[in-house]
Amino acid sequence: MHRKALSWSVTAAAAATLTAAAGAANEPSRAEAASMLQKVAGISSFGERPTLKANRTTLTENELNAYLVYEARDQLPAGVVEPAVSMTGGGRVSGRAVVDLDAVRKQKTSRGFFDPLNLASGRLPVTAAGLLTTGNGVGRFELESATMAGIPIPKNLLQEIVSYYSRSAENPAGITLDTPFSLPARIREIQVEVGRAVVIQ
């Protein structure tokens, strides 16, 4: 009996160690952030001096998330923290960030009784998932689901959050989810696969 208990304890400890190691291996690293920066520089350079031969660059999910952790903090709008992206293949992507909802709610002086922002306050995680389609230098994101603190939310609420945090001097209304957008740097297509995206110029 003692041997069985000891054996179980050793097995459990080994499993816990392997699980922790696997989790650590998936944590974004500074080296991956540097790799992302180098690849983005290559994409930009090719866009400025294209050749007849197509250029393909593979960006991994970890590289992108490492960039968000180590390089993009100063570029994020105030009120948005801990952004992360997941690529599930077949063109499908999802994003997550912790968002200050108080700032979004206060932009309107009055809201309907059933407006979800009347019940939500502070910083909460917001997620969005959908299909990214690209071709001939144009991309479009088709929203499939969105949540706030794990609770499904309607598209118009997500749109309000996105619009508020994507406003700029050039685009004071912010980004509209359904609007097609031009791909930069002469990018013709982005193929989203499991855990990575292939950028084709």
Protein backbone atom coordinates (compact mmCIF):
# COMPACT_ATOMS: atom_id res chain seq x y z
CA MET A 1 0.00 0.00 0.00
CA HIS A 2 2.83 2.33 0.92
CA ARG A 3 4.56 1.52 -2.37
CA LYS A 4 1.38 2.26 -4.32
CA ALA A 5 0.95 5.59 -2.59
CA LEU A 6 4.59 6.48 -3.21
CA SER A 7 4.30 5.46 -6.85
CA TRP A 8 1.17 7.60 -7.29
CA SER A 9 2.88 10.57 -5.63
CA VAL A 10 5.91 10.28 -7.93
CA THR A 11 3.66 9.97 -10.99
CA ALA A 12 1.57 12.97 -9.95
CA ALA A 13 4.67 15.05 -9.28
CA ALA A 14 6.14 14.10 -12.66
CA ALA A 15 2.89 14.98 -14.42
CA ALA A 16 2.74 18.33 -12.64
CA THR A 17 6.35 19.06 -13.58
CA LEU A 18 5.75 18.21 -17.23
CA THR A 19 2.59 20.33 -17.31
CA ALA A 20 4.40 23.29 -15.82
CA ALA A 21 7.27 22.85 -18.27
CA ALA A 22 4.86 22.71 -21.19
CA GLY A 23 3.18 25.90 -19.98
CA ALA A 24 6.52 27.64 -19.63
CA ALA A 25 7.52 26.52 -23.12
CA ASN A 26 4.42 28.20 -24.53
CA GLU A 27 5.06 31.50 -22.74
CA PRO A 28 6.05 34.25 -25.21
CA SER A 29 9.74 35.11 -24.99
CA ARG A 30 11.85 38.16 -25.79
CA ALA A 31 13.63 36.10 -28.45
CA GLU A 32 10.28 35.49 -30.18
CA ALA A 33 9.46 39.21 -29.95
CA ALA A 34 12.81 39.99 -31.59
CA SER A 35 12.08 37.41 -34.30
CA MET A 36 8.72 39.06 -34.95
CA LEU A 37 10.34 42.48 -35.26
CA GLN A 38 12.87 41.11 -37.73
CA LYS A 39 10.17 39.48 -39.85
CA VAL A 40 8.02 42.60 -39.87
CA ALA A 41 11.06 44.61 -40.99
CA GLY A 42 11.56 42.11 -43.82
CA ILE A 43 7.93 42.41 -44.88
CA SER A 44 8.16 46.20 -44.85
CA SER A 45 11.41 46.15 -46.81
CA PHE A 46 9.97 43.87 -49.49
CA GLY A 47 6.92 46.13 -49.72
CA GLU A 48 9.18 49.06 -50.55
CA ARG A 49 11.32 47.13 -53.05
CA PRO A 50 9.21 44.27 -54.45
CA THR A 51 10.54 41.66 -56.86
CA LEU A 52 8.83 39.48 -59.44
CA LYS A 53 9.17 36.48 -57.12
CA ALA A 54 6.52 36.23 -54.38
CA ASN A 55 7.70 36.66 -50.82
CA ARG A 56 6.28 34.37 -48.11
CA THR A 57 6.82 35.05 -44.41
CA THR A 58 5.55 32.79 -41.62
CA LEU A 59 4.57 34.48 -38.36
CA THR A 60 3.88 32.18 -35.42
CA GLU A 61 1.21 32.76 -32.80
CA ASN A 62 3.87 32.90 -30.09
CA GLU A 63 5.92 35.46 -32.02
CA LEU A 64 2.89 37.71 -32.39
CA ASN A 65 1.94 37.41 -28.73
CA ALA A 66 5.54 37.98 -27.66
CA TYR A 67 5.53 41.18 -29.70
CA LEU A 68 2.34 42.29 -27.95
CA VAL A 69 3.88 41.58 -24.54
CA TYR A 70 7.35 43.06 -25.02
CA GLU A 71 7.15 45.58 -27.86
CA ALA A 72 3.60 46.89 -28.25
CA ARG A 73 2.73 48.10 -24.75
CA ASP A 74 3.41 51.74 -25.56
CA GLN A 75 1.37 51.46 -28.76
CA LEU A 76 -1.80 50.19 -27.04
CA PRO A 77 -4.56 52.69 -26.27
CA ALA A 78 -4.93 53.65 -22.61
CA GLY A 79 -7.40 51.25 -20.99
CA VAL A 80 -6.39 48.17 -22.99
CA VAL A 81 -3.97 45.66 -21.44
CA GLU A 82 -2.94 42.01 -21.76
CA PRO A 83 -3.78 41.55 -25.45
CA ALA A 84 -3.37 38.08 -26.96
CA VAL A 85 -4.16 36.45 -30.29
CA SER A 86 -4.96 32.84 -31.17
CA MET A 87 -4.88 31.28 -34.65
CA THR A 88 -7.06 28.19 -35.00
CA GLY A 89 -6.67 27.52 -38.72
CA GLY A 90 -8.94 27.82 -41.73
CA GLY A 91 -8.70 31.59 -41.56
CA ARG A 92 -10.11 31.74 -38.03
CA VAL A 93 -8.56 33.98 -35.42
CA SER A 94 -9.52 35.13 -31.95
CA GLY A 95 -8.32 37.98 -29.79
CA ARG A 96 -8.50 38.77 -26.10
CA ALA A 97 -7.72 41.86 -24.02
CA VAL A 98 -8.61 43.29 -20.64
CA VAL A 99 -10.55 46.50 -21.29
CA ASP A 100 -11.54 49.49 -19.14
CA LEU A 101 -15.30 49.52 -19.67
CA ASP A 102 -15.91 52.62 -17.53
CA ALA A 103 -14.29 54.79 -20.20
CA VAL A 104 -16.51 53.26 -22.89
CA ARG A 105 -19.68 53.63 -20.83
CA LYS A 106 -19.04 57.31 -19.99
CA GLN A 107 -18.83 58.34 -23.65
CA LYS A 108 -22.65 58.27 -23.74
CA THR A 109 -24.63 60.50 -21.39
CA SER A 110 -27.63 58.15 -21.38
CA ARG A 111 -28.13 54.45 -22.01
CA GLY A 112 -31.12 52.15 -22.23
CA PHE A 113 -32.16 50.14 -19.18
CA PHE A 114 -31.03 46.86 -20.80
CA ASP A 115 -27.68 48.17 -22.05
CA PRO A 116 -25.05 45.66 -20.79
CA LEU A 117 -22.64 48.49 -19.99
CA ASN A 118 -25.03 49.64 -17.26
CA LEU A 119 -24.17 46.43 -15.43
CA ALA A 120 -20.47 46.11 -16.31
CA SER A 121 -17.79 48.26 -14.73
CA GLY A 122 -14.05 48.36 -14.22
CA ARG A 123 -11.63 46.24 -16.22
CA LEU A 124 -12.98 43.03 -17.73
CA PRO A 125 -11.65 40.55 -20.32
CA VAL A 126 -13.23 40.91 -23.76
CA THR A 127 -12.81 38.30 -26.49
CA ALA A 128 -13.73 38.19 -30.16
CA ALA A 129 -13.47 35.34 -32.65
CA GLY A 130 -14.16 35.17 -36.33
CA LEU A 131 -13.04 34.51 -39.87
CA LEU A 132 -10.32 36.57 -41.54
CA THR A 133 -10.51 36.48 -45.33
CA THR A 134 -7.90 38.16 -47.51
CA GLY A 135 -7.13 38.42 -51.20
CA ASN A 136 -5.80 40.88 -53.79
CA GLY A 137 -4.47 43.15 -51.06
CA VAL A 138 -7.78 43.48 -49.19
CA GLY A 139 -8.84 41.91 -45.90
CA ARG A 140 -12.12 41.51 -44.05
CA PHE A 141 -12.99 40.19 -40.59
CA GLU A 142 -16.31 38.41 -40.10
CA LEU A 143 -17.24 38.24 -36.42
CA GLU A 144 -18.57 34.89 -35.22
CA SER A 145 -18.66 35.33 -31.44
CA ALA A 146 -17.75 37.77 -28.67
CA THR A 147 -17.74 37.60 -24.88
CA MET A 148 -17.22 39.89 -21.90
CA ALA A 149 -16.04 38.21 -18.70
CA GLY A 150 -17.01 34.91 -20.33
CA ILE A 151 -20.59 36.01 -21.08
CA PRO A 152 -21.70 36.25 -24.74
CA ILE A 153 -22.28 39.82 -25.90
CA PRO A 154 -23.99 41.19 -29.01
CA LYS A 155 -22.03 42.48 -31.95
CA ASN A 156 -23.12 46.09 -31.43
CA LEU A 157 -21.58 46.13 -27.93
CA LEU A 158 -18.27 44.80 -29.23
CA GLN A 159 -18.44 47.37 -32.03
CA GLU A 160 -18.86 50.17 -29.48
CA ILE A 161 -15.79 48.97 -27.56
CA VAL A 162 -13.69 48.58 -30.73
CA SER A 163 -14.77 51.96 -32.08
CA TYR A 164 -13.93 53.74 -28.84
CA TYR A 165 -10.44 52.27 -28.51
CA SER A 166 -9.49 52.53 -32.20
CA ARG A 167 -10.31 56.22 -32.64
CA SER A 168 -7.61 58.43 -34.08
CA ALA A 169 -7.16 61.86 -35.62
CA GLU A 170 -7.32 60.28 -39.08
CA ASN A 171 -10.33 58.11 -38.18
CA PRO A 172 -12.32 59.75 -35.34
CA ALA A 173 -15.12 57.19 -35.61
CA GLY A 174 -12.75 54.28 -35.10
CA ILE A 175 -12.68 50.91 -36.86
CA THR A 176 -15.88 49.32 -38.13
CA LEU A 177 -15.80 45.54 -37.79
CA ASP A 178 -17.39 44.72 -41.16
CA THR A 179 -15.50 47.24 -43.26
CA PRO A 180 -12.93 45.76 -45.68
CA PHE A 181 -9.42 47.12 -45.20
CA SER A 182 -6.32 47.46 -47.35
CA LEU A 183 -3.37 45.25 -46.45
CA PRO A 184 -0.11 47.18 -46.01
CA ALA A 185 3.33 46.66 -47.56
CA ARG A 186 1.99 45.14 -50.80
CA ILE A 187 0.64 42.13 -48.90
CA ARG A 188 -1.63 40.20 -51.24
CA GLU A 189 -2.89 37.53 -48.89
CA ILE A 190 -2.61 36.20 -45.32
CA GLN A 191 -3.20 32.48 -44.85
CA VAL A 192 -4.18 31.71 -41.25
CA GLU A 193 -3.27 28.19 -40.18
CA VAL A 194 -3.14 26.50 -36.78
CA GLY A 195 -0.73 28.50 -34.64
CA ARG A 196 0.69 30.55 -37.49
CA ALA A 197 -0.05 32.91 -40.37
CA VAL A 198 1.67 32.98 -43.76
CA VAL A 199 2.01 36.47 -45.23
CA ILE A 200 2.23 36.50 -49.04
CA GLN A 201 3.51 39.55 -50.91
